[in-house]
Each structure stands twice: as structure tokens, then as C-alpha cells.
Amino acid sequence: MICEADAEKVAHAPLVLATYCARYTHTALGLRWLVANLDNDVPKPAWYEFEMRLSPSAAVERILRHRPRVVALGVYIWNVERTVELVRLLRAQSPELVIVLGGPEVSAAPHEFPAFDLIDTVIVGEAEIVFGDLCRCWLAGERPVERVIYAPLPDLGQLALPYHLYTDKDLQTRHIYVETTRGCPYRCDFCTSGGVEPLRNFPLEATLMEVQQLAERGARTLRFVDRTFNAKPARAAAILNALLPWAKQGLRVHLEFTPQAKYHEDLQAALCAWPVGQLHIEVGVQSLNHEVARRIRRPGITEAEAALSYLIRVAGADVHVDLIAGLPGEDERSIAASFDRLWALGPQEIQLGVLKHLPGTALDRHLEEWEMQFASEPPYALMHSKTLSSEALHRITCFAAYWERLANHRHFPRSIELILQTDTSPYRAFMRWSVWLFQRVGRAHSLALEDLLTDLYLYLTQEQQLSPDETRRAQALDFLAEGRRPERAMPKILR
């Protein structure tokens, strides 16, 4: 394999793989799976993980300097626009080039992809085995009869694992993604995995050896992309126990749990053995409204609060909770109730996101009844519904952005606490601040922290009539906790 770090040194590579990553710190596990499972009779490919700030024209220049015959691109919800432009430029500059697409964003509805007419082949599904077979055809000058290839589910025990393809630099500076299962046992209507793929496991012994080698090589963060890491508790416990020696040396692990799975004794012991704060667990609650959960086939909501309480208060994990605004039939009052109940449990983060109609999900069955209208462009967010107006969704979107900027990132916690204390409902309290702030600044992003501190002071003292001295004391401590110590840098209003 010719990795990105070495690609510029190579004059010619007949096969090039590429994708745009959302951030530099992210890595493309999908590319590594493809490369790891190429046979020796396929020439070594060059591959690139482009940053979003790199223009498509610059990306095309890097790709074409290898004089490739085949270019394969991975398409995800965050890089659709970039990929479409990349395809158009590649086709214009190299008409004879074979262009291949794969990935979740093109798999659900390949014929509807914006640049479909410019693409030679789309591979739908898990492509590791099919991709190698097709490469031999393309490089031999042959073309498959069908432009859309539906890949059968591979035997996970027969796949070559790709983790040796992470470089030492990757291990030190980027998130390392690991996959120990594929598929999901649940059928939630909003999810692309809702009942489409059965839950399948990679061989446990080989997986344990690979993740331990990553830790031994110095990986700082392992992010398991399993959709439901705790679906099989004994297996989850075995993986956590295998990594425990490196956890005591600072290794952090990110996992995705389902809230309804019970934590039997093996998994409880494994969770509690980890140092406090070294486990980051994302729990997709989505809603605590039982009727809404039943409607979207989200099971086990009755157990969610107890499961979260255990993870936070007993296991000592950093817990990130997901809520979705806009689920079929749910109004803002119900969203607020879920938010307030979750906040009372004390998670490290609550991420409130607007519902997205991802291609291939079962949300279609709710559209007419609940009068749901979604944007036609990524990320396909809900625009309005029978129970949420466009104005309400705009308020919620601003709320979510401000909450992410301040509360989830631990900025100005004393000031945020002063806001939340102005109402018995934390949601209502923060929503009032959000509405006031948007009216003042007119945007939900690109807000300087120093400006926000001034905005907080004005809101708390003028709108909420809190004591100026009490507010200044709290905000001065917040400011100093941010590491901004020179007094001349402190906002004038606090000096």
C-alpha cells in the first residue's frame, strides 16, 4: 500500500482511493478495509484522506499526478458536495478514467446520486471482497455489465483486518477507529441500520490481538464504531478487559451503548475496573417519550434512565447522551421533558440534534401522517412537521448550537448554572437565553468566547435581574478557568 504520507513520492499508481474526512483528526476506516483486502495481483494503490478545507481542484491535482486508471471515492453525509465536485472535475480532466463510488451516502439510492451519469460503477454495501474482483476487471480494460453492483454480505471471519495500516503518526495525532461488529439487532425507523443488516461479529480472538497491538503501539484514543457495543455484554466485557492495562496508562476508549441492554455482572465488573473518565460512552436515548419511542420502534426506553445512572454514578464513565428533536408526533414540550430528565442524571454532554431523513431509513412510513417535510440536500434535516413548526425548529437548532458551544464544551460553567437556575426547567431557562442571544447576534455559530461572556453578563443582569456583583464574580472565575489570565484580555464589562 502507498499511504497518503508517501503518495506524493510515487510517480505512478494505477489505482487511487480517496475520501474527504470531516476533520484532520478523523481517519477513514473504510479505505483501510478495502486496501487490506486487495489480493497481491492488484497493484498497490495510493490513497488519500483529504481535509474538508482542501478544494476539489487541489484534490484532483493530487490524484491525477499518479496517472491512475481507476479512482475509488468514499461518500458520506459530510462530503457529498465535495465528492460531486470531485467527480465532475475528474471526468472533465480525464475522460477515460474509471470512477467508482461506494459508502453509505451513495448506497441507499445510487441512481439518485447527483453525479450518477458521470460514474462508471457504484458499489452498494460492504465492498471488501467485491472491490478486489472489480479492480482486476477494470485494470484489465473490462467493464462490469451493471453500473450498480450490490455486494453480498461478506463472511467477517474471512476478511483481513486493516489496523496495521494506521501509521505511528495516526496513533499519536488522530482518532483510531475500530470495528468489532457490523449490523444492529434493532429496527429504529430513523437509522440506516434499522433492521437492514443482522448483527454479525468479527472473530473475537483476532480482534483482541489487533486492538491490543494498537494500544501497545501507542494509540491514545480508540473509537469503536460498533452501532451497539453492548449488544453482547460478555463480548463487550472481554474487549474492555483486554484493554484495561493501557487504560491505566492513559488510553481513552469511545463506545456506543444502547440504553436498554442490561449490564450483567461481567460487563459491570469490566466497566467499574476502568479508571474514571477513561471511558467515553455515547448513549442514543433519542426520546424518553414512551409513545414516540414505540412509534419509531425504539425499544427499552423504560430502562434508559437507570442504565444512564449506572454508567455515570457507578461506572464513572463520561456519558454523552443523544436526543433527537422532530421524531414523528413529538412536540417541543415532550422534547423539553426528555432534556430535563436527562440533565438531572448528570451526563457530561447532551447533544440535541434535529431529525434527519437519511436515505434508506423507514421514516417514509411517517411522512404523510405527521406532515413531515425534510430538506432535499444533506444533512436532510426536518424543516417542519405537524407537531413542530419551522419557527420552533429554528429555535431548537439555535438552542442546540449554543448548548454545544458552551455547556458540552465546558465553557463558563458558573455562568451557565446561573442561567439554569432561573427556571425549574433547564430546557426553558436555556431556551430563553438562546432566543435572546439570537435576537442580539443574529447567528448560531462563529461566536467568540469573550463576546459570549459579555452577552451572558448583559442577559443575566438586565433580562434576569441577577445581582451584577454576583454575576461578575462567577464570570471572572469562568474567565480565569479558561486560561485567559492577563487582565487586559478580560472583557471590559468584567474589569
Protein backbone atom coordinates (compact mmCIF):
# COMPACT_ATOMS: atom_id res chain seq x y z
CA MET A 1 0.00 0.00 0.00
CA ILE A 2 1.08 3.57 -0.70
CA CYS A 3 -0.38 5.64 2.11
CA GLU A 4 -1.12 9.34 1.97
CA ALA A 5 2.16 10.27 3.63
CA ASP A 6 4.09 8.53 0.83
CA ALA A 7 1.72 9.15 -2.07
CA GLU A 8 3.40 12.35 -3.24
CA LYS A 9 6.66 10.47 -3.80
CA VAL A 10 5.08 7.96 -6.20
CA ALA A 11 5.06 8.79 -9.90
CA HIS A 12 2.52 6.20 -10.99
CA ALA A 13 -0.25 4.25 -9.27
CA PRO A 14 -2.95 2.69 -11.48
CA LEU A 15 -5.38 2.58 -8.55
CA VAL A 16 -6.11 5.54 -6.25
CA LEU A 17 -8.56 5.55 -3.33
CA ALA A 18 -9.71 8.79 -1.69
CA THR A 19 -12.29 10.35 0.57
CA TYR A 20 -12.92 13.60 2.41
CA CYS A 21 -12.79 13.32 6.20
CA ALA A 22 -14.86 15.69 8.34
CA ARG A 23 -11.72 16.76 10.25
CA TYR A 24 -8.00 16.07 10.11
CA THR A 25 -8.22 14.13 13.38
CA HIS A 26 -10.64 11.66 11.78
CA THR A 27 -9.36 8.66 9.86
CA ALA A 28 -11.00 6.71 7.02
CA LEU A 29 -11.53 3.16 8.24
CA GLY A 30 -13.45 2.27 5.06
CA LEU A 31 -10.43 2.92 2.83
CA ARG A 32 -8.26 0.78 5.05
CA TRP A 33 -10.73 -2.12 4.86
CA LEU A 34 -10.59 -2.00 1.06
CA VAL A 35 -6.79 -1.80 0.90
CA ALA A 36 -6.27 -4.58 3.46
CA ASN A 37 -8.40 -6.98 1.42
CA LEU A 38 -6.83 -6.44 -2.01
CA ASP A 39 -5.08 -9.51 -3.40
CA ASN A 40 -1.41 -9.45 -4.36
CA ASP A 41 -2.33 -9.49 -8.05
CA VAL A 42 -3.83 -6.00 -7.75
CA PRO A 43 -1.20 -3.23 -7.95
CA LYS A 44 -0.54 -1.38 -4.72
CA PRO A 45 -2.89 1.61 -4.53
CA ALA A 46 -2.20 5.15 -3.45
CA TRP A 47 -4.79 6.63 -1.14
CA TYR A 48 -5.73 9.99 0.32
CA GLU A 49 -7.72 11.22 3.33
CA PHE A 50 -8.47 14.80 2.30
CA GLU A 51 -9.38 17.55 4.76
CA MET A 52 -12.61 19.40 4.05
CA ARG A 53 -10.75 22.68 3.63
CA LEU A 54 -8.86 21.26 0.62
CA SER A 55 -10.57 22.36 -2.59
CA PRO A 56 -11.75 19.68 -5.04
CA SER A 57 -9.46 21.13 -7.71
CA ALA A 58 -6.44 20.65 -5.43
CA ALA A 59 -7.62 17.12 -4.62
CA VAL A 60 -7.94 16.31 -8.32
CA GLU A 61 -4.42 17.58 -8.94
CA ARG A 62 -3.04 15.23 -6.28
CA ILE A 63 -4.98 12.26 -7.64
CA LEU A 64 -4.16 12.75 -11.32
CA ARG A 65 -0.43 13.22 -10.81
CA HIS A 66 -0.35 9.43 -10.26
CA ARG A 67 -1.79 8.88 -13.78
CA PRO A 68 -4.36 6.39 -12.40
CA ARG A 69 -6.67 4.22 -14.43
CA VAL A 70 -9.16 3.71 -11.58
CA VAL A 71 -10.19 6.14 -8.83
CA ALA A 72 -12.44 4.94 -5.99
CA LEU A 73 -14.16 7.50 -3.73
CA GLY A 74 -15.91 7.03 -0.38
CA VAL A 75 -19.12 9.06 0.03
CA TYR A 76 -20.52 10.11 3.42
CA ILE A 77 -23.13 12.62 4.52
CA TRP A 78 -20.49 15.26 5.35
CA ASN A 79 -18.67 15.07 1.99
CA VAL A 80 -21.40 14.72 -0.65
CA GLU A 81 -20.94 18.18 -2.16
CA ARG A 82 -17.17 17.85 -2.19
CA THR A 83 -17.39 14.41 -3.81
CA VAL A 84 -19.82 15.55 -6.52
CA GLU A 85 -17.47 18.37 -7.50
CA LEU A 86 -14.52 15.97 -7.37
CA VAL A 87 -16.29 13.57 -9.76
CA ARG A 88 -17.12 16.37 -12.21
CA LEU A 89 -13.55 17.64 -12.28
CA LEU A 90 -12.07 14.15 -12.64
CA ARG A 91 -14.39 13.34 -15.53
CA ALA A 92 -13.66 16.65 -17.29
CA GLN A 93 -9.89 16.32 -16.98
CA SER A 94 -9.60 12.56 -17.54
CA PRO A 95 -12.50 11.25 -19.65
CA GLU A 96 -11.12 7.69 -19.84
CA LEU A 97 -10.72 7.36 -16.08
CA VAL A 98 -12.79 4.67 -14.32
CA ILE A 99 -14.59 6.38 -11.42
CA VAL A 100 -16.01 4.16 -8.67
CA LEU A 101 -18.14 5.25 -5.71
CA GLY A 102 -19.11 3.49 -2.52
CA GLY A 103 -20.15 4.33 1.02
CA PRO A 104 -23.40 4.86 2.92
CA GLU A 105 -24.42 8.11 1.23
CA VAL A 106 -24.48 6.60 -2.25
CA SER A 107 -25.63 3.09 -1.29
CA ALA A 108 -29.22 3.85 -0.28
CA ALA A 109 -30.28 5.40 -3.61
CA PRO A 110 -27.37 5.13 -6.09
CA HIS A 111 -29.36 6.15 -9.18
CA GLU A 112 -30.36 9.42 -7.47
CA PHE A 113 -26.81 10.49 -6.69
CA PRO A 114 -26.25 13.93 -8.26
CA ALA A 115 -23.31 12.88 -10.45
CA PHE A 116 -24.52 9.36 -11.24
CA ASP A 117 -24.24 9.84 -15.02
CA LEU A 118 -20.52 10.58 -14.66
CA ILE A 119 -19.75 7.48 -12.61
CA ASP A 120 -18.70 4.11 -14.03
CA THR A 121 -19.62 1.92 -11.06
CA VAL A 122 -21.35 2.24 -7.69
CA ILE A 123 -20.77 -0.50 -5.14
CA VAL A 124 -23.66 -0.83 -2.70
CA GLY A 125 -22.98 -2.42 0.66
CA GLU A 126 -19.86 -3.93 2.23
CA ALA A 127 -17.39 -3.85 -0.63
CA GLU A 128 -14.21 -5.53 0.63
CA ILE A 129 -14.48 -8.71 -1.45
CA VAL A 130 -16.28 -7.28 -4.49
CA PHE A 131 -13.89 -4.35 -4.79
CA GLY A 132 -10.84 -6.54 -5.34
CA ASP A 133 -12.62 -8.61 -8.01
CA LEU A 134 -13.76 -5.49 -9.84
CA CYS A 135 -10.28 -3.91 -9.68
CA ARG A 136 -8.87 -6.78 -11.68
CA CYS A 137 -11.56 -6.27 -14.35
CA TRP A 138 -11.10 -2.50 -14.56
CA LEU A 139 -7.32 -2.71 -14.73
CA ALA A 140 -7.61 -5.36 -17.45
CA GLY A 141 -9.74 -2.99 -19.50
CA GLU A 142 -13.02 -4.79 -18.82
CA ARG A 143 -16.21 -3.14 -17.56
CA PRO A 144 -18.94 -4.82 -15.48
CA VAL A 145 -22.31 -5.11 -17.23
CA GLU A 146 -24.17 -3.35 -14.41
CA ARG A 147 -23.23 0.12 -13.23
CA VAL A 148 -24.62 -0.60 -9.76
CA ILE A 149 -23.09 -3.60 -8.03
CA TYR A 150 -24.86 -4.97 -4.96
CA ALA A 151 -22.24 -6.58 -2.74
CA PRO A 152 -23.31 -9.63 -0.73
CA LEU A 153 -22.54 -9.57 2.99
CA PRO A 154 -19.01 -10.91 3.42
CA ASP A 155 -18.03 -13.55 5.93
CA LEU A 156 -16.38 -11.37 8.58
CA GLY A 157 -14.14 -14.24 9.60
CA GLN A 158 -12.60 -14.24 6.12
CA LEU A 159 -11.74 -10.53 5.97
CA ALA A 160 -8.19 -9.33 6.56
CA LEU A 161 -8.20 -6.85 9.43
CA PRO A 162 -6.91 -3.37 8.50
CA TYR A 163 -5.47 -1.99 11.73
CA HIS A 164 -1.82 -2.38 10.75
CA LEU A 165 -2.49 0.35 8.15
CA TYR A 166 -2.68 3.01 10.84
CA THR A 167 0.67 4.81 10.89
CA ASP A 168 2.55 5.81 14.03
CA LYS A 169 1.58 9.41 13.29
CA ASP A 170 -2.07 8.35 13.12
CA LEU A 171 -1.79 6.73 16.53
CA GLN A 172 -0.32 9.86 18.08
CA THR A 173 -2.43 12.59 16.49
CA ARG A 174 -5.71 11.14 15.19
CA HIS A 175 -8.73 9.12 16.27
CA ILE A 176 -8.27 5.42 15.59
CA TYR A 177 -11.48 3.70 14.54
CA VAL A 178 -12.08 0.04 15.35
CA GLU A 179 -14.93 -2.22 14.28
CA THR A 180 -15.70 -5.44 16.17
CA THR A 181 -19.26 -6.00 14.91
CA ARG A 182 -21.42 -5.00 11.96
CA GLY A 183 -25.16 -4.54 11.76
CA CYS A 184 -27.63 -3.89 14.57
CA PRO A 185 -30.21 -6.02 16.42
CA TYR A 186 -32.76 -3.17 16.46
CA ARG A 187 -35.04 -1.62 13.82
CA CYS A 188 -35.30 2.07 14.69
CA ASP A 189 -37.04 3.99 11.90
CA PHE A 190 -34.59 6.91 11.82
CA CYS A 191 -31.43 4.79 11.47
CA THR A 192 -29.80 3.45 8.30
CA SER A 193 -29.11 0.19 10.17
CA GLY A 194 -32.74 -0.30 11.16
CA GLY A 195 -33.17 -4.00 10.53
CA VAL A 196 -31.25 -3.96 7.25
CA GLU A 197 -28.23 -5.90 8.44
CA PRO A 198 -28.18 -8.63 11.10
CA LEU A 199 -25.73 -8.22 13.95
CA ARG A 200 -22.52 -10.04 12.99
CA ASN A 201 -19.28 -10.41 14.90
CA PHE A 202 -15.66 -10.34 13.84
CA PRO A 203 -13.68 -13.23 15.38
CA LEU A 204 -13.06 -12.18 18.97
CA GLU A 205 -9.56 -13.61 19.41
CA ALA A 206 -8.16 -11.89 16.31
CA THR A 207 -9.93 -8.65 17.23
CA LEU A 208 -8.48 -8.66 20.75
CA MET A 209 -4.98 -9.20 19.38
CA GLU A 210 -5.34 -6.31 16.93
CA VAL A 211 -6.71 -3.76 19.41
CA GLN A 212 -4.04 -4.70 21.94
CA GLN A 213 -1.38 -4.15 19.29
CA LEU A 214 -2.83 -0.69 18.59
CA ALA A 215 -2.61 0.12 22.28
CA GLU A 216 0.91 -1.31 22.52
CA ARG A 217 1.99 0.87 19.57
CA GLY A 218 0.86 3.97 21.44
CA ALA A 219 -2.71 4.69 20.35
CA ARG A 220 -4.15 7.40 22.59
CA THR A 221 -7.80 7.14 21.57
CA LEU A 222 -9.70 4.14 20.21
CA ARG A 223 -13.18 4.81 18.83
CA PHE A 224 -15.27 1.69 18.39
CA VAL A 225 -17.77 2.23 15.58
CA ASP A 226 -19.98 -0.71 16.58
CA ARG A 227 -23.55 0.58 16.48
CA THR A 228 -24.41 -1.27 19.71
CA PHE A 229 -21.20 -2.19 21.51
CA ASN A 230 -23.04 -3.71 24.50
CA ALA A 231 -25.46 -5.85 22.48
CA LYS A 232 -23.49 -8.89 23.64
CA PRO A 233 -22.35 -7.98 27.17
CA ALA A 234 -19.87 -10.84 27.65
CA ARG A 235 -18.10 -9.94 24.40
CA ALA A 236 -18.03 -6.25 25.34
CA ALA A 237 -16.55 -7.13 28.73
CA ALA A 238 -13.81 -9.24 27.12
CA ILE A 239 -12.71 -6.34 24.91
CA LEU A 240 -12.69 -3.84 27.78
CA ASN A 241 -10.72 -6.23 29.99
CA ALA A 242 -8.16 -6.78 27.24
CA LEU A 243 -7.51 -3.02 27.01
CA LEU A 244 -7.52 -2.33 30.74
CA PRO A 245 -3.70 -2.35 31.19
CA TRP A 246 -3.36 0.51 28.67
CA ALA A 247 -6.31 2.38 30.18
CA LYS A 248 -4.24 2.70 33.34
CA GLN A 249 -1.56 4.34 31.17
CA GLY A 250 -3.98 6.91 29.71
CA LEU A 251 -5.72 5.15 26.81
CA ARG A 252 -9.23 6.54 26.20
CA VAL A 253 -11.93 4.44 24.56
CA HIS A 254 -15.12 5.69 22.91
CA LEU A 255 -18.10 3.33 22.72
CA GLU A 256 -21.73 3.48 21.63
CA PHE A 257 -24.17 1.80 24.01
CA THR A 258 -27.85 1.16 23.71
CA PRO A 259 -29.67 2.23 26.89
CA GLN A 260 -31.95 -0.78 27.08
CA ALA A 261 -29.33 -3.53 27.37
CA LYS A 262 -28.88 -4.80 30.91
CA TYR A 263 -25.41 -4.64 32.40
CA HIS A 264 -24.88 -8.15 33.66
CA GLU A 265 -22.12 -8.97 36.10
CA ASP A 266 -19.25 -9.43 33.62
CA LEU A 267 -19.88 -6.08 31.94
CA GLN A 268 -20.49 -4.30 35.25
CA ALA A 269 -17.14 -5.53 36.54
CA ALA A 270 -15.35 -4.51 33.34
CA LEU A 271 -16.88 -1.01 33.36
CA CYS A 272 -16.07 -0.39 37.01
CA ALA A 273 -12.47 -1.58 36.60
CA TRP A 274 -11.67 1.25 34.18
CA PRO A 275 -10.21 4.48 35.59
CA VAL A 276 -12.75 7.26 35.99
CA GLY A 277 -13.02 9.35 32.82
CA GLN A 278 -11.17 6.93 30.51
CA LEU A 279 -14.38 5.53 29.05
CA HIS A 280 -16.45 7.84 26.85
CA ILE A 281 -19.82 6.23 26.20
CA GLU A 282 -22.38 7.60 23.76
CA VAL A 283 -25.94 6.54 24.53
CA GLY A 284 -28.62 7.15 21.91
CA VAL A 285 -31.69 7.76 24.03
CA GLN A 286 -33.38 9.93 21.33
CA SER A 287 -36.55 10.44 23.41
CA LEU A 288 -37.94 9.47 26.81
CA ASN A 289 -41.49 9.73 25.49
CA HIS A 290 -42.73 6.13 25.53
CA GLU A 291 -45.37 6.64 22.83
CA VAL A 292 -42.85 8.26 20.48
CA ALA A 293 -40.31 5.51 21.18
CA ARG A 294 -42.92 2.85 20.39
CA ARG A 295 -43.87 4.65 17.18
CA ILE A 296 -40.30 4.63 15.83
CA ARG A 297 -39.60 1.10 17.15
CA ARG A 298 -37.02 2.30 19.65
CA PRO A 299 -37.08 -0.37 22.40
CA GLY A 300 -36.24 -0.27 26.08
CA ILE A 301 -36.83 3.39 26.95
CA THR A 302 -38.19 2.33 30.35
CA GLU A 303 -34.66 1.19 31.28
CA ALA A 304 -32.81 4.21 29.89
CA GLU A 305 -32.60 6.38 33.00
CA ALA A 306 -31.49 3.51 35.22
CA ALA A 307 -28.86 2.47 32.66
CA LEU A 308 -27.54 6.03 32.37
CA SER A 309 -27.47 6.47 36.13
CA TYR A 310 -25.37 3.32 36.46
CA LEU A 311 -22.86 4.42 33.82
CA ILE A 312 -22.48 7.90 35.32
CA ARG A 313 -22.68 7.30 39.07
CA VAL A 314 -21.33 3.78 39.47
CA ALA A 315 -19.04 3.10 36.50
CA GLY A 316 -17.67 6.67 36.42
CA ALA A 317 -17.83 6.89 32.63
CA ASP A 318 -18.03 10.12 30.64
CA VAL A 319 -21.50 9.81 29.16
CA HIS A 320 -22.68 11.58 26.01
CA VAL A 321 -26.46 11.37 25.52
CA ASP A 322 -28.16 11.89 22.16
CA LEU A 323 -31.64 13.40 21.83
CA ILE A 324 -33.48 13.89 18.53
CA ALA A 325 -35.88 16.78 18.01
CA GLY A 326 -38.61 16.17 15.46
CA LEU A 327 -39.41 12.48 15.86
CA PRO A 328 -42.87 11.60 14.49
CA GLY A 329 -45.58 13.01 16.75
CA GLU A 330 -43.26 14.61 19.32
CA ASP A 331 -43.75 18.28 20.19
CA GLU A 332 -41.45 20.74 21.93
CA ARG A 333 -42.97 20.14 25.36
CA SER A 334 -42.07 16.46 25.11
CA ILE A 335 -38.54 17.30 23.93
CA ALA A 336 -38.11 19.65 26.88
CA ALA A 337 -39.30 16.96 29.32
CA SER A 338 -36.76 14.46 27.98
CA PHE A 339 -33.97 17.04 28.14
CA ASP A 340 -34.76 17.99 31.75
CA ARG A 341 -34.91 14.38 32.94
CA LEU A 342 -31.59 13.61 31.29
CA TRP A 343 -29.92 16.73 32.68
CA ALA A 344 -30.95 15.64 36.20
CA LEU A 345 -28.89 12.45 35.75
CA GLY A 346 -25.67 14.45 35.27
CA PRO A 347 -24.23 13.31 31.90
CA GLN A 348 -21.12 15.04 30.62
CA GLU A 349 -22.84 16.01 27.35
CA ILE A 350 -26.35 16.19 25.95
CA GLN A 351 -26.38 16.52 22.20
CA LEU A 352 -29.71 17.71 20.84
CA GLY A 353 -29.97 17.23 17.10
CA VAL A 354 -32.77 17.83 14.62
CA LEU A 355 -34.16 14.69 12.96
CA LYS A 356 -32.63 13.85 9.58
CA HIS A 357 -34.29 11.78 6.87
CA LEU A 358 -31.29 9.68 5.89
CA PRO A 359 -31.63 7.75 2.63
CA GLY A 360 -32.72 4.17 3.16
CA THR A 361 -34.43 4.63 6.54
CA ALA A 362 -38.01 3.71 7.41
CA LEU A 363 -39.09 7.27 8.18
CA ASP A 364 -41.08 7.27 4.93
CA ARG A 365 -43.93 5.49 6.67
CA HIS A 366 -44.49 8.51 8.96
CA LEU A 367 -44.24 11.37 6.47
CA GLU A 368 -47.88 11.70 5.50
CA GLU A 369 -49.46 11.17 8.92
CA TRP A 370 -47.21 13.69 10.66
CA GLU A 371 -46.88 16.09 7.72
CA MET A 372 -43.09 15.90 7.82
CA GLN A 373 -41.06 17.96 5.35
CA PHE A 374 -37.30 17.48 5.06
CA ALA A 375 -34.57 19.34 3.22
CA SER A 376 -33.60 17.68 -0.05
CA GLU A 377 -29.88 18.36 0.45
CA PRO A 378 -27.53 16.88 3.08
CA PRO A 379 -27.89 16.63 6.01
CA TYR A 380 -31.62 16.22 5.15
CA ALA A 381 -32.86 17.95 8.31
CA LEU A 382 -36.53 18.28 9.22
CA MET A 383 -37.95 21.66 8.16
CA HIS A 384 -41.40 21.38 9.74
CA SER A 385 -43.99 18.82 10.81
CA LYS A 386 -47.49 18.54 12.24
CA THR A 387 -46.14 18.96 15.78
CA LEU A 388 -43.15 21.29 15.19
CA SER A 389 -43.31 24.47 13.16
CA SER A 390 -40.35 25.83 11.21
CA GLU A 391 -40.06 28.58 13.85
CA ALA A 392 -39.87 26.01 16.66
CA LEU A 393 -37.23 24.02 14.79
CA HIS A 394 -35.19 27.17 14.24
CA ARG A 395 -35.29 27.90 17.99
CA ILE A 396 -34.25 24.33 18.76
CA THR A 397 -31.41 24.50 16.22
CA CYS A 398 -30.05 27.66 17.87
CA PHE A 399 -30.50 26.12 21.33
CA ALA A 400 -28.52 23.05 20.24
CA ALA A 401 -25.69 25.15 18.75
CA TYR A 402 -25.34 27.36 21.84
CA TRP A 403 -25.57 24.37 24.19
CA GLU A 404 -22.86 22.56 22.22
CA ARG A 405 -20.62 25.65 22.22
CA LEU A 406 -20.94 26.38 25.93
CA ALA A 407 -22.31 23.53 28.04
CA ASN A 408 -20.94 20.50 26.18
CA HIS A 409 -17.51 22.10 25.80
CA ARG A 410 -17.42 23.15 29.47
CA HIS A 411 -17.12 26.85 28.78
CA PHE A 412 -18.28 29.20 31.56
CA PRO A 413 -19.97 26.55 33.75
CA ARG A 414 -20.74 29.00 36.59
CA SER A 415 -22.45 31.38 34.17
CA ILE A 416 -24.43 28.54 32.61
CA GLU A 417 -25.50 27.42 36.08
CA LEU A 418 -26.81 30.92 36.77
CA ILE A 419 -28.92 30.67 33.60
CA LEU A 420 -30.31 27.24 34.51
CA GLN A 421 -31.25 28.42 37.98
CA THR A 422 -33.70 30.97 36.54
CA ASP A 423 -36.35 28.29 35.91
CA THR A 424 -37.42 24.93 37.29
CA SER A 425 -36.91 23.60 33.75
CA PRO A 426 -33.28 23.76 32.50
CA TYR A 427 -34.60 23.50 28.94
CA ARG A 428 -36.89 26.51 29.31
CA ALA A 429 -34.18 28.51 31.06
CA PHE A 430 -31.57 27.89 28.37
CA MET A 431 -34.13 28.36 25.59
CA ARG A 432 -34.92 31.87 26.85
CA TRP A 433 -31.21 32.70 26.76
CA SER A 434 -30.92 31.18 23.26
CA VAL A 435 -33.80 33.24 21.88
CA TRP A 436 -32.38 36.41 23.45
CA LEU A 437 -28.87 35.71 22.14
CA PHE A 438 -30.01 35.01 18.58
CA GLN A 439 -32.02 38.24 18.54
CA ARG A 440 -28.89 40.04 19.70
CA VAL A 441 -26.23 38.49 17.40
CA GLY A 442 -28.27 37.02 14.53
CA ARG A 443 -26.33 33.78 14.19
CA ALA A 444 -25.78 30.47 15.95
CA HIS A 445 -22.14 29.81 15.04
CA SER A 446 -18.75 31.57 14.89
CA LEU A 447 -19.19 33.24 18.29
CA ALA A 448 -16.08 34.40 20.18
CA LEU A 449 -15.96 33.27 23.79
CA GLU A 450 -15.07 36.74 25.08
CA ASP A 451 -18.11 38.20 23.32
CA LEU A 452 -20.29 35.45 24.75
CA LEU A 453 -19.11 36.30 28.25
CA THR A 454 -20.26 39.88 27.77
CA ASP A 455 -23.57 38.66 26.33
CA LEU A 456 -24.05 36.40 29.32
CA TYR A 457 -23.46 39.28 31.71
CA LEU A 458 -25.98 41.52 29.96
CA TYR A 459 -28.58 38.75 29.83
CA LEU A 460 -28.21 37.74 33.46
CA THR A 461 -28.17 41.25 34.88
CA GLN A 462 -30.61 43.01 32.57
CA GLU A 463 -33.03 40.29 31.47
CA GLN A 464 -32.95 38.08 34.56
CA GLN A 465 -32.24 40.85 37.08
CA LEU A 466 -29.45 38.95 38.83
CA SER A 467 -27.01 40.78 41.04
CA PRO A 468 -24.23 42.42 38.95
CA ASP A 469 -21.64 41.66 41.64
CA GLU A 470 -22.64 38.00 41.92
CA THR A 471 -22.64 37.68 38.14
CA ARG A 472 -19.22 39.33 37.78
CA ARG A 473 -17.68 37.08 40.43
CA ALA A 474 -18.98 33.94 38.72
CA GLN A 475 -17.87 35.12 35.30
CA ALA A 476 -14.43 36.23 36.47
CA LEU A 477 -13.84 32.71 37.79
CA ASP A 478 -15.12 31.28 34.49
CA PHE A 479 -12.79 33.57 32.55
CA LEU A 480 -9.73 32.63 34.61
CA ALA A 481 -10.60 28.94 34.33
CA GLU A 482 -10.35 29.29 30.55
CA GLY A 483 -6.66 30.13 30.97
CA ARG A 484 -7.04 33.76 29.88
CA ARG A 485 -5.07 35.32 32.71
CA PRO A 486 -3.84 38.72 31.53
CA GLU A 487 -6.31 41.24 32.96
CA ARG A 488 -6.17 43.39 29.88
CA ALA A 489 -7.73 40.49 27.92
CA MET A 490 -10.72 40.29 30.25
CA PRO A 491 -13.91 41.75 28.73
CA LYS A 492 -14.24 45.37 29.78
CA ILE A 493 -17.58 44.78 31.42
CA LEU A 494 -15.97 42.42 33.96
CA ARG A 495 -12.93 44.51 34.91
